[in-house]
C-alpha atoms as a PDB file:
ATOM      1  CA  UNK A   1      45.533 -38.898 -30.310  1.00  0.00           C
ATOM      2  CA  UNK A   2      45.792 -39.145 -26.521  1.00  0.00           C
ATOM      3  CA  UNK A   3      44.249 -36.164 -24.762  1.00  0.00           C
ATOM      4  CA  UNK A   4      47.424 -35.405 -22.807  1.00  0.00           C
ATOM      5  CA  UNK A   5      49.371 -34.830 -26.073  1.00  0.00           C
ATOM      6  CA  UNK A   6      46.933 -32.211 -27.347  1.00  0.00           C
ATOM      7  CA  UNK A   7      47.295 -28.469 -27.033  1.00  0.00           C
ATOM      8  CA  UNK A   8      44.673 -26.554 -25.061  1.00  0.00           C
ATOM      9  CA  UNK A   9      42.973 -25.638 -28.340  1.00  0.00           C
ATOM     10  CA  UNK A  10      43.132 -29.240 -29.493  1.00  0.00           C
ATOM     11  CA  UNK A  11      41.485 -30.444 -26.287  1.00  0.00           C
ATOM     12  CA  UNK A  12      38.719 -27.877 -26.724  1.00  0.00           C
ATOM     13  CA  UNK A  13      38.150 -28.973 -30.308  1.00  0.00           C
ATOM     14  CA  UNK A  14      38.042 -32.642 -29.396  1.00  0.00           C
ATOM     15  CA  UNK A  15      35.699 -31.921 -26.482  1.00  0.00           C
ATOM     16  CA  UNK A  16      33.358 -29.981 -28.784  1.00  0.00           C
ATOM     17  CA  UNK A  17      33.169 -32.936 -31.166  1.00  0.00           C
ATOM     18  CA  UNK A  18      32.563 -35.399 -28.317  1.00  0.00           C
ATOM     19  CA  UNK A  19      29.844 -33.247 -26.741  1.00  0.00           C
ATOM     20  CA  UNK A  20      28.083 -32.834 -30.072  1.00  0.00           C
ATOM     21  CA  UNK A  21      28.196 -36.595 -30.621  1.00  0.00           C
ATOM     22  CA  UNK A  22      26.819 -37.367 -27.152  1.00  0.00           C
ATOM     23  CA  UNK A  23      23.864 -35.040 -27.734  1.00  0.00           C
ATOM     24  CA  UNK A  24      23.110 -36.275 -31.238  1.00  0.00           C
ATOM     25  CA  UNK A  25      23.467 -39.979 -30.370  1.00  0.00           C
ATOM     26  CA  UNK A  26      20.918 -39.434 -27.573  1.00  0.00           C
ATOM     27  CA  UNK A  27      18.510 -37.529 -29.809  1.00  0.00           C
ATOM     28  CA  UNK A  28      18.823 -39.415 -33.106  1.00  0.00           C
ATOM     29  CA  UNK A  29      20.580 -42.649 -32.266  1.00  0.00           C
ATOM     30  CA  UNK A  30      23.986 -43.743 -33.516  1.00  0.00           C
ATOM     31  CA  UNK A  31      22.792 -44.929 -36.920  1.00  0.00           C
ATOM     32  CA  UNK A  32      20.610 -41.842 -37.368  1.00  0.00           C
ATOM     33  CA  UNK A  33      23.556 -39.512 -36.815  1.00  0.00           C
ATOM     34  CA  UNK A  34      25.992 -38.798 -39.632  1.00  0.00           C
ATOM     35  CA  UNK A  35      29.553 -37.609 -39.342  1.00  0.00           C
ATOM     36  CA  UNK A  36      28.401 -34.410 -41.069  1.00  0.00           C
ATOM     37  CA  UNK A  37      25.763 -33.937 -38.366  1.00  0.00           C
ATOM     38  CA  UNK A  38      28.433 -34.180 -35.671  1.00  0.00           C
ATOM     39  CA  UNK A  39      30.906 -31.810 -37.274  1.00  0.00           C
ATOM     40  CA  UNK A  40      28.175 -29.310 -38.097  1.00  0.00           C
ATOM     41  CA  UNK A  41      26.855 -29.340 -34.504  1.00  0.00           C
ATOM     42  CA  UNK A  42      30.420 -28.957 -33.194  1.00  0.00           C
ATOM     43  CA  UNK A  43      31.176 -26.139 -35.629  1.00  0.00           C
ATOM     44  CA  UNK A  44      34.112 -28.069 -37.092  1.00  0.00           C
ATOM     45  CA  UNK A  45      35.034 -29.414 -40.507  1.00  0.00           C
ATOM     46  CA  UNK A  46      35.270 -33.109 -41.441  1.00  0.00           C
ATOM     47  CA  UNK A  47      39.026 -32.593 -41.940  1.00  0.00           C
ATOM     48  CA  UNK A  48      39.321 -31.458 -38.331  1.00  0.00           C
ATOM     49  CA  UNK A  49      37.302 -34.484 -37.159  1.00  0.00           C
ATOM     50  CA  UNK A  50      39.797 -36.861 -38.757  1.00  0.00           C
ATOM     51  CA  UNK A  51      42.656 -35.326 -36.807  1.00  0.00           C
ATOM     52  CA  UNK A  52      41.166 -36.852 -33.668  1.00  0.00           C
ATOM     53  CA  UNK A  53      39.091 -39.881 -34.738  1.00  0.00           C
ATOM     54  CA  UNK A  54      39.346 -42.493 -37.468  1.00  0.00           C
ATOM     55  CA  UNK A  55      35.583 -42.594 -38.007  1.00  0.00           C
ATOM     56  CA  UNK A  56      32.245 -42.379 -36.195  1.00  0.00           C
ATOM     57  CA  UNK A  57      32.721 -45.786 -34.562  1.00  0.00           C
ATOM     58  CA  UNK A  58      36.136 -44.750 -33.254  1.00  0.00           C
ATOM     59  CA  UNK A  59      34.487 -41.698 -31.697  1.00  0.00           C
ATOM     60  CA  UNK A  60      31.838 -43.882 -30.056  1.00  0.00           C
ATOM     61  CA  UNK A  61      34.530 -46.192 -28.677  1.00  0.00           C
ATOM     62  CA  UNK A  62      36.298 -43.210 -27.093  1.00  0.00           C
ATOM     63  CA  UNK A  63      33.030 -41.954 -25.588  1.00  0.00           C
ATOM     64  CA  UNK A  64      32.146 -45.410 -24.256  1.00  0.00           C
ATOM     65  CA  UNK A  65      35.547 -45.960 -22.647  1.00  0.00           C
ATOM     66  CA  UNK A  66      35.454 -42.499 -21.085  1.00  0.00           C
ATOM     67  CA  UNK A  67      31.938 -43.128 -19.759  1.00  0.00           C
ATOM     68  CA  UNK A  68      32.917 -46.476 -18.297  1.00  0.00           C
ATOM     69  CA  UNK A  69      36.143 -45.434 -16.591  1.00  0.00           C
ATOM     70  CA  UNK A  70      35.415 -41.814 -15.694  1.00  0.00           C
ATOM     71  CA  UNK A  71      31.749 -42.107 -14.699  1.00  0.00           C
ATOM     72  CA  UNK A  72      30.645 -45.689 -14.055  1.00  0.00           C
ATOM     73  CA  UNK A  73      33.641 -47.118 -12.190  1.00  0.00           C
ATOM     74  CA  UNK A  74      34.124 -44.211  -9.737  1.00  0.00           C
ATOM     75  CA  UNK A  75      30.422 -44.263  -8.855  1.00  0.00           C
ATOM     76  CA  UNK A  76      30.782 -47.631  -7.118  1.00  0.00           C
ATOM     77  CA  UNK A  77      33.937 -47.022  -5.122  1.00  0.00           C
ATOM     78  CA  UNK A  78      32.179 -45.768  -1.991  1.00  0.00           C
ATOM     79  CA  UNK A  79      29.229 -48.160  -1.878  1.00  0.00           C
ATOM     80  CA  UNK A  80      28.379 -49.255   1.653  1.00  0.00           C
ATOM     81  CA  UNK A  81      26.470 -52.538   1.756  1.00  0.00           C
ATOM     82  CA  UNK A  82      23.564 -52.847   4.227  1.00  0.00           C
ATOM     83  CA  UNK A  83      24.700 -53.565   7.789  1.00  0.00           C
ATOM     84  CA  UNK A  84      21.298 -55.024   8.657  1.00  0.00           C
ATOM     85  CA  UNK A  85      18.301 -56.449   6.760  1.00  0.00           C
ATOM     86  CA  UNK A  86      15.685 -53.963   5.470  1.00  0.00           C
ATOM     87  CA  UNK A  87      12.874 -53.435   7.982  1.00  0.00           C
ATOM     88  CA  UNK A  88       9.283 -54.204   7.109  1.00  0.00           C
ATOM     89  CA  UNK A  89       7.103 -51.189   7.943  1.00  0.00           C
ATOM     90  CA  UNK A  90       8.156 -48.055   9.768  1.00  0.00           C
ATOM     91  CA  UNK A  91      10.517 -45.359   8.601  1.00  0.00           C
ATOM     92  CA  UNK A  92      13.237 -46.559   6.220  1.00  0.00           C
ATOM     93  CA  UNK A  93      16.753 -46.793   7.672  1.00  0.00           C
ATOM     94  CA  UNK A  94      20.026 -46.085   5.879  1.00  0.00           C
ATOM     95  CA  UNK A  95      20.218 -49.801   5.135  1.00  0.00           C
ATOM     96  CA  UNK A  96      16.730 -49.750   3.580  1.00  0.00           C
ATOM     97  CA  UNK A  97      17.803 -46.806   1.430  1.00  0.00           C
ATOM     98  CA  UNK A  98      20.795 -48.682   0.008  1.00  0.00           C
ATOM     99  CA  UNK A  99      18.754 -50.178  -2.815  1.00  0.00           C
ATOM    100  CA  UNK A 100      16.981 -46.929  -3.706  1.00  0.00           C
ATOM    101  CA  UNK A 101      20.265 -45.014  -3.690  1.00  0.00           C
ATOM    102  CA  UNK A 102      22.118 -47.480  -5.916  1.00  0.00           C
ATOM    103  CA  UNK A 103      19.248 -47.795  -8.394  1.00  0.00           C
ATOM    104  CA  UNK A 104      18.803 -44.014  -8.504  1.00  0.00           C
ATOM    105  CA  UNK A 105      22.477 -43.575  -9.319  1.00  0.00           C
ATOM    106  CA  UNK A 106      22.329 -46.307 -11.957  1.00  0.00           C
ATOM    107  CA  UNK A 107      19.189 -44.872 -13.554  1.00  0.00           C
ATOM    108  CA  UNK A 108      20.528 -41.322 -13.703  1.00  0.00           C
ATOM    109  CA  UNK A 109      23.910 -42.341 -15.118  1.00  0.00           C
ATOM    110  CA  UNK A 110      22.267 -44.568 -17.721  1.00  0.00           C
ATOM    111  CA  UNK A 111      19.679 -41.947 -18.695  1.00  0.00           C
ATOM    112  CA  UNK A 112      22.230 -39.161 -19.034  1.00  0.00           C
ATOM    113  CA  UNK A 113      24.321 -41.376 -21.340  1.00  0.00           C
ATOM    114  CA  UNK A 114      21.505 -43.242 -23.052  1.00  0.00           C
ATOM    115  CA  UNK A 115      22.779 -42.518 -26.581  1.00  0.00           C
ATOM    116  CA  UNK A 116      26.139 -44.103 -25.821  1.00  0.00           C
ATOM    117  CA  UNK A 117      24.612 -47.065 -24.014  1.00  0.00           C
ATOM    118  CA  UNK A 118      22.186 -47.921 -26.807  1.00  0.00           C
ATOM    119  CA  UNK A 119      24.805 -47.419 -29.535  1.00  0.00           C
ATOM    120  CA  UNK A 120      27.260 -49.707 -27.751  1.00  0.00           C
ATOM    121  CA  UNK A 121      24.523 -52.310 -27.359  1.00  0.00           C
ATOM    122  CA  UNK A 122      23.689 -52.160 -31.071  1.00  0.00           C
ATOM    123  CA  UNK A 123      27.304 -52.480 -32.216  1.00  0.00           C
ATOM    124  CA  UNK A 124      28.197 -55.109 -29.599  1.00  0.00           C
ATOM    125  CA  UNK A 125      26.234 -57.667 -31.613  1.00  0.00           C
ATOM    126  CA  UNK A 126      28.790 -57.517 -34.432  1.00  0.00           C
ATOM    127  CA  UNK A 127      31.957 -55.874 -33.107  1.00  0.00           C
ATOM    128  CA  UNK A 128      34.126 -57.345 -30.369  1.00  0.00           C
ATOM    129  CA  UNK A 129      35.491 -54.026 -29.082  1.00  0.00           C
ATOM    130  CA  UNK A 130      31.993 -52.812 -28.272  1.00  0.00           C
ATOM    131  CA  UNK A 131      30.991 -56.182 -26.842  1.00  0.00           C
ATOM    132  CA  UNK A 132      33.985 -55.908 -24.499  1.00  0.00           C
ATOM    133  CA  UNK A 133      32.909 -52.464 -23.276  1.00  0.00           C
ATOM    134  CA  UNK A 134      29.322 -53.632 -22.806  1.00  0.00           C
ATOM    135  CA  UNK A 135      30.418 -56.663 -20.827  1.00  0.00           C
ATOM    136  CA  UNK A 136      32.713 -54.560 -18.652  1.00  0.00           C
ATOM    137  CA  UNK A 137      29.774 -52.328 -17.800  1.00  0.00           C
ATOM    138  CA  UNK A 138      27.643 -55.385 -17.064  1.00  0.00           C
ATOM    139  CA  UNK A 139      30.339 -56.916 -14.851  1.00  0.00           C
ATOM    140  CA  UNK A 140      30.500 -53.733 -12.821  1.00  0.00           C
ATOM    141  CA  UNK A 141      26.768 -53.943 -12.076  1.00  0.00           C
ATOM    142  CA  UNK A 142      26.913 -57.678 -11.491  1.00  0.00           C
ATOM    143  CA  UNK A 143      29.723 -57.282  -8.951  1.00  0.00           C
ATOM    144  CA  UNK A 144      27.586 -54.863  -6.915  1.00  0.00           C
ATOM    145  CA  UNK A 145      24.547 -57.149  -6.978  1.00  0.00           C
ATOM    146  CA  UNK A 146      26.612 -60.256  -6.176  1.00  0.00           C
ATOM    147  CA  UNK A 147      28.122 -58.459  -3.174  1.00  0.00           C
ATOM    148  CA  UNK A 148      24.621 -57.561  -1.964  1.00  0.00           C
ATOM    149  CA  UNK A 149      23.541 -61.211  -2.286  1.00  0.00           C
ATOM    150  CA  UNK A 150      26.487 -62.357  -0.205  1.00  0.00           C
ATOM    151  CA  UNK A 151      25.734 -59.693   2.409  1.00  0.00           C
ATOM    152  CA  UNK A 152      22.090 -60.871   2.619  1.00  0.00           C
ATOM    153  CA  UNK A 153      23.298 -64.448   3.063  1.00  0.00           C
ATOM    154  CA  UNK A 154      25.565 -63.361   5.905  1.00  0.00           C
ATOM    155  CA  UNK A 155      22.424 -61.947   7.529  1.00  0.00           C
ATOM    156  CA  UNK A 156      20.545 -65.237   7.145  1.00  0.00           C
ATOM    157  CA  UNK A 157      18.614 -64.483   3.934  1.00  0.00           C
ATOM    158  CA  UNK A 158      18.681 -65.866   0.388  1.00  0.00           C
ATOM    159  CA  UNK A 159      20.595 -69.042   1.181  1.00  0.00           C
ATOM    160  CA  UNK A 160      19.172 -70.632  -1.971  1.00  0.00           C
ATOM    161  CA  UNK A 161      20.540 -67.874  -4.232  1.00  0.00           C
ATOM    162  CA  UNK A 162      23.689 -68.287  -6.295  1.00  0.00           C
ATOM    163  CA  UNK A 163      25.320 -64.832  -6.050  1.00  0.00           C
ATOM    164  CA  UNK A 164      26.728 -64.799  -9.588  1.00  0.00           C
ATOM    165  CA  UNK A 165      23.623 -66.184 -11.268  1.00  0.00           C
ATOM    166  CA  UNK A 166      21.351 -63.838  -9.337  1.00  0.00           C
ATOM    167  CA  UNK A 167      23.620 -60.911 -10.154  1.00  0.00           C
ATOM    168  CA  UNK A 168      23.497 -61.703 -13.878  1.00  0.00           C
ATOM    169  CA  UNK A 169      19.698 -62.005 -13.845  1.00  0.00           C
ATOM    170  CA  UNK A 170      19.141 -58.729 -11.983  1.00  0.00           C
ATOM    171  CA  UNK A 171      21.792 -56.749 -13.892  1.00  0.00           C
ATOM    172  CA  UNK A 172      20.430 -57.821 -17.282  1.00  0.00           C
ATOM    173  CA  UNK A 173      16.855 -57.147 -16.171  1.00  0.00           C
ATOM    174  CA  UNK A 174      17.928 -53.635 -15.125  1.00  0.00           C
ATOM    175  CA  UNK A 175      19.712 -53.070 -18.430  1.00  0.00           C
ATOM    176  CA  UNK A 176      16.766 -54.042 -20.632  1.00  0.00           C
ATOM    177  CA  UNK A 177      14.170 -52.275 -18.494  1.00  0.00           C
ATOM    178  CA  UNK A 178      16.236 -49.089 -18.426  1.00  0.00           C
ATOM    179  CA  UNK A 179      16.957 -49.185 -22.157  1.00  0.00           C
ATOM    180  CA  UNK A 180      13.204 -49.145 -22.886  1.00  0.00           C
ATOM    181  CA  UNK A 181      11.992 -46.709 -20.278  1.00  0.00           C
ATOM    182  CA  UNK A 182      14.924 -44.282 -19.950  1.00  0.00           C
ATOM    183  CA  UNK A 183      15.643 -43.854 -23.644  1.00  0.00           C
ATOM    184  CA  UNK A 184      14.773 -40.663 -25.456  1.00  0.00           C
ATOM    185  CA  UNK A 185      12.461 -42.845 -27.550  1.00  0.00           C
ATOM    186  CA  UNK A 186      10.942 -44.154 -24.364  1.00  0.00           C
ATOM    187  CA  UNK A 187       7.510 -42.506 -24.655  1.00  0.00           C
ATOM    188  CA  UNK A 188       6.767 -44.235 -27.954  1.00  0.00           C
ATOM    189  CA  UNK A 189       8.077 -47.530 -26.628  1.00  0.00           C
ATOM    190  CA  UNK A 190       5.992 -47.111 -23.498  1.00  0.00           C
ATOM    191  CA  UNK A 191       2.930 -46.288 -25.561  1.00  0.00           C
ATOM    192  CA  UNK A 192       3.470 -49.435 -27.577  1.00  0.00           C
ATOM    193  CA  UNK A 193       3.537 -51.418 -24.359  1.00  0.00           C
ATOM    194  CA  UNK A 194       0.400 -49.673 -23.122  1.00  0.00           C
ATOM    195  CA  UNK A 195       2.089 -48.097 -20.119  1.00  0.00           C
ATOM    196  CA  UNK A 196       4.004 -45.043 -19.000  1.00  0.00           C
ATOM    197  CA  UNK A 197       6.442 -45.132 -16.088  1.00  0.00           C
ATOM    198  CA  UNK A 198       7.904 -42.067 -14.388  1.00  0.00           C
ATOM    199  CA  UNK A 199      11.531 -42.005 -13.285  1.00  0.00           C
ATOM    200  CA  UNK A 200      10.426 -42.290  -9.664  1.00  0.00           C
ATOM    201  CA  UNK A 201       8.208 -45.319 -10.325  1.00  0.00           C
ATOM    202  CA  UNK A 202      10.857 -47.005 -12.446  1.00  0.00           C
ATOM    203  CA  UNK A 203      13.469 -46.587  -9.722  1.00  0.00           C
ATOM    204  CA  UNK A 204      11.053 -47.819  -7.044  1.00  0.00           C
ATOM    205  CA  UNK A 205      10.158 -50.879  -9.165  1.00  0.00           C
ATOM    206  CA  UNK A 206      13.757 -51.919  -9.794  1.00  0.00           C
ATOM    207  CA  UNK A 207      14.739 -51.278  -6.187  1.00  0.00           C
ATOM    208  CA  UNK A 208      11.849 -53.378  -4.886  1.00  0.00           C
ATOM    209  CA  UNK A 209      12.590 -56.278  -7.262  1.00  0.00           C
ATOM    210  CA  UNK A 210      16.224 -56.321  -6.151  1.00  0.00           C
ATOM    211  CA  UNK A 211      15.450 -56.041  -2.410  1.00  0.00           C
ATOM    212  CA  UNK A 212      12.649 -58.619  -2.425  1.00  0.00           C
ATOM    213  CA  UNK A 213      14.787 -61.084  -4.382  1.00  0.00           C
ATOM    214  CA  UNK A 214      17.313 -61.007  -1.549  1.00  0.00           C
ATOM    215  CA  UNK A 215      15.143 -60.523   1.546  1.00  0.00           C
ATOM    216  CA  UNK A 216      11.680 -61.649   0.457  1.00  0.00           C
ATOM    217  CA  UNK A 217       9.982 -58.662   2.099  1.00  0.00           C
END
């Protein structure tokens, strides 16, 4: 049921279910969370759940769409591409900080919604509606990177780069790197890889890879 058609109490109930699901998906994963877990954490009955959602996958689809359109899309509306190339050495300028700022925003948004992101990725392999959401999220990131490639080329850098191909490579690299190191299961994954990366180091690494790909320094 659309949110605008609900009573104030109905909106509160639906929000409680959604918040419980977000928390549990992040802690236990989508497949490790049952509908009973969600309703219990929300303090609601299964009968109440079915007033708002067809099933657990329907709930995830609602969460994913909300995340994409209410959080991800607005975050890129005010991006200001670098007016000049990053400077080697010396104090960083606002243009140098562009990459750090964008990656920091990406990392924080992804980490805060890691349960949704991983669940969508898992279901995207077999269900078109989740593949569509995942690709929309990817296109958003790719558009930002492609724009940064074109800006670097205007400044005389990266002439050999295809903006769309480079954008796809960087966006997918970010996605996989972040899935491993920002996930709640990250420590065990990191241990398996024989490394541990702090948020600060992860952000610095991704920012440097992106900047050096475009400017070479």
